[in-house]
PDB file of N, CA and C in Angstrom:
ATOM      1  N   MET A   1     -15.626  16.062  26.796  1.00  0.00           N
ATOM      2  CA  MET A   1     -16.100  15.190  25.726  1.00  0.00           C
ATOM      3  C   MET A   1     -14.982  14.249  25.316  1.00  0.00           C
ATOM      4  N   LEU A   2     -15.332  13.063  24.934  1.00  0.00           N
ATOM      5  CA  LEU A   2     -14.378  12.028  24.571  1.00  0.00           C
ATOM      6  C   LEU A   2     -13.758  12.255  23.192  1.00  0.00           C
ATOM      7  N   THR A   3     -14.538  12.792  22.259  1.00  0.00           N
ATOM      8  CA  THR A   3     -14.044  13.020  20.895  1.00  0.00           C
ATOM      9  C   THR A   3     -14.073  14.504  20.573  1.00  0.00           C
ATOM     10  N   LEU A   4     -13.311  14.866  19.553  1.00  0.00           N
ATOM     11  CA  LEU A   4     -13.304  16.254  19.091  1.00  0.00           C
ATOM     12  C   LEU A   4     -14.566  16.531  18.280  1.00  0.00           C
ATOM     13  N   SER A   5     -15.062  17.742  18.401  1.00  0.00           N
ATOM     14  CA  SER A   5     -16.206  18.142  17.584  1.00  0.00           C
ATOM     15  C   SER A   5     -15.718  18.453  16.166  1.00  0.00           C
ATOM     16  N   GLU A   6     -16.659  18.602  15.242  1.00  0.00           N
ATOM     17  CA  GLU A   6     -16.288  18.942  13.867  1.00  0.00           C
ATOM     18  C   GLU A   6     -15.553  20.273  13.813  1.00  0.00           C
ATOM     19  N   ASP A   7     -15.992  21.230  14.624  1.00  0.00           N
ATOM     20  CA  ASP A   7     -15.328  22.535  14.665  1.00  0.00           C
ATOM     21  C   ASP A   7     -13.906  22.417  15.205  1.00  0.00           C
ATOM     22  N   GLU A   8     -13.710  21.564  16.201  1.00  0.00           N
ATOM     23  CA  GLU A   8     -12.368  21.387  16.751  1.00  0.00           C
ATOM     24  C   GLU A   8     -11.439  20.718  15.744  1.00  0.00           C
ATOM     25  N   ILE A   9     -11.966  19.775  14.975  1.00  0.00           N
ATOM     26  CA  ILE A   9     -11.154  19.139  13.936  1.00  0.00           C
ATOM     27  C   ILE A   9     -10.758  20.170  12.884  1.00  0.00           C
ATOM     28  N   LYS A  10     -11.699  21.032  12.522  1.00  0.00           N
ATOM     29  CA  LYS A  10     -11.388  22.108  11.570  1.00  0.00           C
ATOM     30  C   LYS A  10     -10.316  23.033  12.127  1.00  0.00           C
ATOM     31  N   GLU A  11     -10.398  23.336  13.418  1.00  0.00           N
ATOM     32  CA  GLU A  11      -9.427  24.228  14.046  1.00  0.00           C
ATOM     33  C   GLU A  11      -8.035  23.598  14.072  1.00  0.00           C
ATOM     34  N   VAL A  12      -7.967  22.328  14.407  1.00  0.00           N
ATOM     35  CA  VAL A  12      -6.678  21.640  14.499  1.00  0.00           C
ATOM     36  C   VAL A  12      -6.030  21.508  13.127  1.00  0.00           C
ATOM     37  N   THR A  13      -6.822  21.126  12.133  1.00  0.00           N
ATOM     38  CA  THR A  13      -6.269  20.857  10.806  1.00  0.00           C
ATOM     39  C   THR A  13      -6.200  22.094   9.915  1.00  0.00           C
ATOM     40  N   GLN A  14      -6.989  23.110  10.245  1.00  0.00           N
ATOM     41  CA  GLN A  14      -7.104  24.303   9.394  1.00  0.00           C
ATOM     42  C   GLN A  14      -7.627  23.944   8.002  1.00  0.00           C
ATOM     43  N   LYS A  15      -8.421  22.871   7.928  1.00  0.00           N
ATOM     44  CA  LYS A  15      -9.012  22.408   6.674  1.00  0.00           C
ATOM     45  C   LYS A  15     -10.513  22.253   6.854  1.00  0.00           C
ATOM     46  N   SER A  16     -11.256  22.467   5.771  1.00  0.00           N
ATOM     47  CA  SER A  16     -12.713  22.379   5.877  1.00  0.00           C
ATOM     48  C   SER A  16     -13.281  21.098   5.263  1.00  0.00           C
ATOM     49  N   THR A  17     -12.588  20.513   4.286  1.00  0.00           N
ATOM     50  CA  THR A  17     -13.101  19.283   3.679  1.00  0.00           C
ATOM     51  C   THR A  17     -12.567  18.071   4.436  1.00  0.00           C
ATOM     52  N   ARG A  18     -13.358  17.017   4.464  1.00  0.00           N
ATOM     53  CA  ARG A  18     -12.987  15.826   5.229  1.00  0.00           C
ATOM     54  C   ARG A  18     -11.724  15.167   4.674  1.00  0.00           C
ATOM     55  N   LYS A  19     -11.593  15.150   3.373  1.00  0.00           N
ATOM     56  CA  LYS A  19     -10.420  14.536   2.758  1.00  0.00           C
ATOM     57  C   LYS A  19      -9.153  15.300   3.151  1.00  0.00           C
ATOM     58  N   ALA A  20      -9.225  16.611   3.126  1.00  0.00           N
ATOM     59  CA  ALA A  20      -8.079  17.433   3.519  1.00  0.00           C
ATOM     60  C   ALA A  20      -7.798  17.299   5.017  1.00  0.00           C
ATOM     61  N   GLN A  21      -8.846  17.183   5.824  1.00  0.00           N
ATOM     62  CA  GLN A  21      -8.665  16.996   7.259  1.00  0.00           C
ATOM     63  C   GLN A  21      -7.956  15.674   7.543  1.00  0.00           C
ATOM     64  N   ALA A  22      -8.367  14.618   6.850  1.00  0.00           N
ATOM     65  CA  ALA A  22      -7.749  13.309   7.032  1.00  0.00           C
ATOM     66  C   ALA A  22      -6.273  13.357   6.654  1.00  0.00           C
ATOM     67  N   LYS A  23      -5.972  14.018   5.573  1.00  0.00           N
ATOM     68  CA  LYS A  23      -4.582  14.134   5.126  1.00  0.00           C
ATOM     69  C   LYS A  23      -3.753  14.919   6.137  1.00  0.00           C
ATOM     70  N   ALA A  24      -4.310  15.993   6.673  1.00  0.00           N
ATOM     71  CA  ALA A  24      -3.601  16.794   7.666  1.00  0.00           C
ATOM     72  C   ALA A  24      -3.377  16.003   8.951  1.00  0.00           C
ATOM     73  N   LEU A  25      -4.391  15.255   9.387  1.00  0.00           N
ATOM     74  CA  LEU A  25      -4.242  14.453  10.595  1.00  0.00           C
ATOM     75  C   LEU A  25      -3.177  13.374  10.405  1.00  0.00           C
ATOM     76  N   GLU A  26      -3.158  12.738   9.239  1.00  0.00           N
ATOM     77  CA  GLU A  26      -2.131  11.740   8.944  1.00  0.00           C
ATOM     78  C   GLU A  26      -0.747  12.372   8.989  1.00  0.00           C
ATOM     79  N   HIS A  27      -0.622  13.557   8.412  1.00  0.00           N
ATOM     80  CA  HIS A  27       0.667  14.260   8.385  1.00  0.00           C
ATOM     81  C   HIS A  27       1.143  14.594   9.798  1.00  0.00           C
ATOM     82  N   MET A  28       0.206  14.948  10.683  1.00  0.00           N
ATOM     83  CA  MET A  28       0.554  15.298  12.061  1.00  0.00           C
ATOM     84  C   MET A  28       0.732  14.068  12.942  1.00  0.00           C
ATOM     85  N   GLY A  29       0.386  12.896  12.429  1.00  0.00           N
ATOM     86  CA  GLY A  29       0.528  11.673  13.210  1.00  0.00           C
ATOM     87  C   GLY A  29      -0.577  11.470  14.230  1.00  0.00           C
ATOM     88  N   VAL A  30      -1.727  12.079  13.974  1.00  0.00           N
ATOM     89  CA  VAL A  30      -2.872  11.954  14.882  1.00  0.00           C
ATOM     90  C   VAL A  30      -3.733  10.784  14.408  1.00  0.00           C
ATOM     91  N   PRO A  31      -3.912   9.761  15.254  1.00  0.00           N
ATOM     92  CA  PRO A  31      -4.765   8.646  14.834  1.00  0.00           C
ATOM     93  C   PRO A  31      -6.240   9.057  14.783  1.00  0.00           C
ATOM     94  N   PHE A  32      -6.942   8.574  13.778  1.00  0.00           N
ATOM     95  CA  PHE A  32      -8.359   8.893  13.615  1.00  0.00           C
ATOM     96  C   PHE A  32      -9.051   7.743  12.910  1.00  0.00           C
ATOM     97  N   ARG A  33     -10.359   7.770  12.940  1.00  0.00           N
ATOM     98  CA  ARG A  33     -11.181   6.790  12.227  1.00  0.00           C
ATOM     99  C   ARG A  33     -12.214   7.551  11.409  1.00  0.00           C
ATOM    100  N   THR A  34     -12.722   6.873  10.374  1.00  0.00           N
ATOM    101  CA  THR A  34     -13.774   7.443   9.549  1.00  0.00           C
ATOM    102  C   THR A  34     -15.044   6.638   9.776  1.00  0.00           C
ATOM    103  N   ARG A  35     -16.125   7.334  10.085  1.00  0.00           N
ATOM    104  CA  ARG A  35     -17.425   6.688  10.301  1.00  0.00           C
ATOM    105  C   ARG A  35     -18.030   6.270   8.958  1.00  0.00           C
ATOM    106  N   PRO A  36     -19.063   5.428   8.995  1.00  0.00           N
ATOM    107  CA  PRO A  36     -19.728   5.045   7.745  1.00  0.00           C
ATOM    108  C   PRO A  36     -20.277   6.242   6.959  1.00  0.00           C
ATOM    109  N   ASP A  37     -20.641   7.324   7.667  1.00  0.00           N
ATOM    110  CA  ASP A  37     -21.146   8.501   6.953  1.00  0.00           C
ATOM    111  C   ASP A  37     -20.010   9.431   6.509  1.00  0.00           C
ATOM    112  N   LYS A  38     -18.764   8.930   6.592  1.00  0.00           N
ATOM    113  CA  LYS A  38     -17.552   9.623   6.127  1.00  0.00           C
ATOM    114  C   LYS A  38     -17.106  10.768   7.038  1.00  0.00           C
ATOM    115  N   THR A  39     -17.704  10.924   8.223  1.00  0.00           N
ATOM    116  CA  THR A  39     -17.202  11.926   9.156  1.00  0.00           C
ATOM    117  C   THR A  39     -15.999  11.351   9.891  1.00  0.00           C
ATOM    118  N   ILE A  40     -15.134  12.237  10.361  1.00  0.00           N
ATOM    119  CA  ILE A  40     -13.896  11.845  11.012  1.00  0.00           C
ATOM    120  C   ILE A  40     -14.082  11.854  12.525  1.00  0.00           C
ATOM    121  N   VAL A  41     -13.547  10.836  13.173  1.00  0.00           N
ATOM    122  CA  VAL A  41     -13.594  10.742  14.628  1.00  0.00           C
ATOM    123  C   VAL A  41     -12.161  10.784  15.153  1.00  0.00           C
ATOM    124  N   VAL A  42     -11.912  11.731  16.057  1.00  0.00           N
ATOM    125  CA  VAL A  42     -10.600  11.847  16.697  1.00  0.00           C
ATOM    126  C   VAL A  42     -10.819  11.830  18.201  1.00  0.00           C
ATOM    127  N   LEU A  43     -10.200  10.891  18.871  1.00  0.00           N
ATOM    128  CA  LEU A  43     -10.275  10.867  20.321  1.00  0.00           C
ATOM    129  C   LEU A  43      -9.409  11.996  20.880  1.00  0.00           C
ATOM    130  N   ARG A  44      -9.952  12.707  21.842  1.00  0.00           N
ATOM    131  CA  ARG A  44      -9.238  13.830  22.452  1.00  0.00           C
ATOM    132  C   ARG A  44      -7.902  13.369  23.044  1.00  0.00           C
ATOM    133  N   ALA A  45      -7.911  12.215  23.720  1.00  0.00           N
ATOM    134  CA  ALA A  45      -6.687  11.693  24.332  1.00  0.00           C
ATOM    135  C   ALA A  45      -5.637  11.358  23.274  1.00  0.00           C
ATOM    136  N   ALA A  46      -6.073  10.861  22.111  1.00  0.00           N
ATOM    137  CA  ALA A  46      -5.139  10.523  21.036  1.00  0.00           C
ATOM    138  C   ALA A  46      -4.488  11.776  20.480  1.00  0.00           C
ATOM    139  N   LEU A  47      -5.271  12.842  20.331  1.00  0.00           N
ATOM    140  CA  LEU A  47      -4.719  14.107  19.851  1.00  0.00           C
ATOM    141  C   LEU A  47      -3.702  14.642  20.841  1.00  0.00           C
ATOM    142  N   GLU A  48      -4.059  14.645  22.121  1.00  0.00           N
ATOM    143  CA  GLU A  48      -3.151  15.151  23.145  1.00  0.00           C
ATOM    144  C   GLU A  48      -1.875  14.327  23.204  1.00  0.00           C
ATOM    145  N   ALA A  49      -1.992  13.017  23.083  1.00  0.00           N
ATOM    146  CA  ALA A  49      -0.811  12.154  23.124  1.00  0.00           C
ATOM    147  C   ALA A  49       0.098  12.407  21.926  1.00  0.00           C
ATOM    148  N   SER A  50      -0.481  12.560  20.752  1.00  0.00           N
ATOM    149  CA  SER A  50       0.335  12.756  19.557  1.00  0.00           C
ATOM    150  C   SER A  50       1.005  14.117  19.537  1.00  0.00           C
ATOM    151  N   LEU A  51       0.417  15.094  20.216  1.00  0.00           N
ATOM    152  CA  LEU A  51       1.016  16.424  20.281  1.00  0.00           C
ATOM    153  C   LEU A  51       1.902  16.609  21.511  1.00  0.00           C
ATOM    154  N   GLY A  52       1.987  15.584  22.344  1.00  0.00           N
ATOM    155  CA  GLY A  52       2.869  15.650  23.501  1.00  0.00           C
ATOM    156  C   GLY A  52       2.264  16.272  24.738  1.00  0.00           C
ATOM    157  N   TYR A  53       0.954  16.405  24.787  1.00  0.00           N
ATOM    158  CA  TYR A  53       0.288  17.002  25.940  1.00  0.00           C
ATOM    159  C   TYR A  53      -0.467  15.988  26.786  1.00  0.00           C
ATOM    160  N   ALA A  54      -0.194  14.728  26.571  1.00  0.00           N
ATOM    161  CA  ALA A  54      -0.947  13.694  27.284  1.00  0.00           C
ATOM    162  C   ALA A  54      -0.549  13.659  28.752  1.00  0.00           C
ATOM    163  N   THR A  55      -1.520  13.435  29.569  1.00  0.00           N
ATOM    164  CA  THR A  55      -1.257  13.212  30.979  1.00  0.00           C
ATOM    165  C   THR A  55      -1.414  11.728  31.231  1.00  0.00           C
ATOM    166  N   THR A  56      -0.426  11.147  31.857  1.00  0.00           N
ATOM    167  CA  THR A  56      -0.485   9.726  32.122  1.00  0.00           C
ATOM    168  C   THR A  56      -0.622   9.503  33.615  1.00  0.00           C
ATOM    169  N   ASN A  57      -1.311   8.478  33.944  1.00  0.00           N
ATOM    170  CA  ASN A  57      -1.463   8.117  35.334  1.00  0.00           C
ATOM    171  C   ASN A  57      -0.340   7.144  35.667  1.00  0.00           C
ATOM    172  N   LYS A  58       0.735   7.668  36.196  1.00  0.00           N
ATOM    173  CA  LYS A  58       1.902   6.842  36.482  1.00  0.00           C
ATOM    174  C   LYS A  58       1.775   6.105  37.802  1.00  0.00           C
ATOM    175  N   GLY A  59       0.855   6.512  38.626  1.00  0.00           N
ATOM    176  CA  GLY A  59       0.696   5.862  39.918  1.00  0.00           C
ATOM    177  C   GLY A  59       1.739   6.365  40.903  1.00  0.00           C
ATOM    178  N   PRO A  60       1.785   5.765  42.058  1.00  0.00           N
ATOM    179  CA  PRO A  60       2.751   6.216  43.056  1.00  0.00           C
ATOM    180  C   PRO A  60       4.165   5.814  42.657  1.00  0.00           C
ATOM    181  N   PRO A  61       5.154   6.569  43.091  1.00  0.00           N
ATOM    182  CA  PRO A  61       6.533   6.210  42.747  1.00  0.00           C
ATOM    183  C   PRO A  61       6.937   4.923  43.463  1.00  0.00           C
ATOM    184  N   PRO A  62       7.850   4.176  42.878  1.00  0.00           N
ATOM    185  CA  PRO A  62       8.276   2.935  43.523  1.00  0.00           C
ATOM    186  C   PRO A  62       9.048   3.250  44.806  1.00  0.00           C
ATOM    187  N   PRO A  63       9.056   2.327  45.736  1.00  0.00           N
ATOM    188  CA  PRO A  63       9.788   2.578  46.979  1.00  0.00           C
ATOM    189  C   PRO A  63      11.285   2.671  46.715  1.00  0.00           C
ATOM    190  N   ARG A  64      11.953   3.518  47.459  1.00  0.00           N
ATOM    191  CA  ARG A  64      13.390   3.690  47.299  1.00  0.00           C
ATOM    192  C   ARG A  64      14.114   2.749  48.257  1.00  0.00           C
ATOM    193  N   VAL A  65      15.193   2.216  47.807  1.00  0.00           N
ATOM    194  CA  VAL A  65      15.995   1.316  48.627  1.00  0.00           C
ATOM    195  C   VAL A  65      16.978   2.164  49.429  1.00  0.00           C
ATOM    196  N   ARG A  66      16.990   1.946  50.728  1.00  0.00           N
ATOM    197  CA  ARG A  66      17.937   2.660  51.584  1.00  0.00           C
ATOM    198  C   ARG A  66      19.130   1.756  51.862  1.00  0.00           C
ATOM    199  N   LEU A  67      20.301   2.251  51.531  1.00  0.00           N
ATOM    200  CA  LEU A  67      21.506   1.489  51.784  1.00  0.00           C
ATOM    201  C   LEU A  67      22.133   1.951  53.094  1.00  0.00           C
ATOM    202  N   PRO A  68      22.712   1.056  53.858  1.00  0.00           N
ATOM    203  CA  PRO A  68      23.341   1.459  55.104  1.00  0.00           C
ATOM    204  C   PRO A  68      24.589   2.314  54.834  1.00  0.00           C
ATOM    205  N   LYS A  69      24.995   3.065  55.834  1.00  0.00           N
ATOM    206  CA  LYS A  69      26.154   3.955  55.700  1.00  0.00           C
ATOM    207  C   LYS A  69      27.426   3.139  55.439  1.00  0.00           C
ATOM    208  N   ALA A  70      27.423   1.904  55.817  1.00  0.00           N
ATOM    209  CA  ALA A  70      28.607   1.067  55.641  1.00  0.00           C
ATOM    210  C   ALA A  70      28.620   0.406  54.266  1.00  0.00           C
ATOM    211  N   ARG A  71      27.998   1.024  53.287  1.00  0.00           N
ATOM    212  CA  ARG A  71      27.943   0.375  51.970  1.00  0.00           C
ATOM    213  C   ARG A  71      29.305   0.285  51.327  1.00  0.00           C
ATOM    214  N   GLY A  72      30.269   1.069  51.784  1.00  0.00           N
ATOM    215  CA  GLY A  72      31.618   0.967  51.281  1.00  0.00           C
ATOM    216  C   GLY A  72      32.241  -0.396  51.538  1.00  0.00           C
ATOM    217  N   LEU A  73      31.740  -1.090  52.530  1.00  0.00           N
ATOM    218  CA  LEU A  73      32.235  -2.416  52.845  1.00  0.00           C
ATOM    219  C   LEU A  73      31.831  -3.429  51.785  1.00  0.00           C
ATOM    220  N   LEU A  74      30.802  -3.129  51.036  1.00  0.00           N
ATOM    221  CA  LEU A  74      30.324  -4.050  50.025  1.00  0.00           C
ATOM    222  C   LEU A  74      31.115  -3.971  48.732  1.00  0.00           C
ATOM    223  N   VAL A  75      31.852  -2.888  48.539  1.00  0.00           N
ATOM    224  CA  VAL A  75      32.624  -2.691  47.302  1.00  0.00           C
ATOM    225  C   VAL A  75      33.946  -3.418  47.432  1.00  0.00           C
ATOM    226  N   ARG A  76      34.330  -4.127  46.422  1.00  0.00           N
ATOM    227  CA  ARG A  76      35.615  -4.868  46.457  1.00  0.00           C
ATOM    228  C   ARG A  76      36.726  -4.046  45.898  1.00  0.00           C
TER     229      ARG A  76
END
């Protein structure tokens, strides 16, 4: 799922009221939004990133430059 469920937000914040949950999320540095019906939306990726568990797609490593064995000749 893309967002945390209400139960997961309660588990993360250890709070049951929305106002207390928002305050706890702010304290933990977790970005969130409030819907028009006052429910809290937390993206799963945002929670993982703020807690240091994010996985990033770094792609393939850059190519390594091979220097010739005679590289000592290049040093002055």
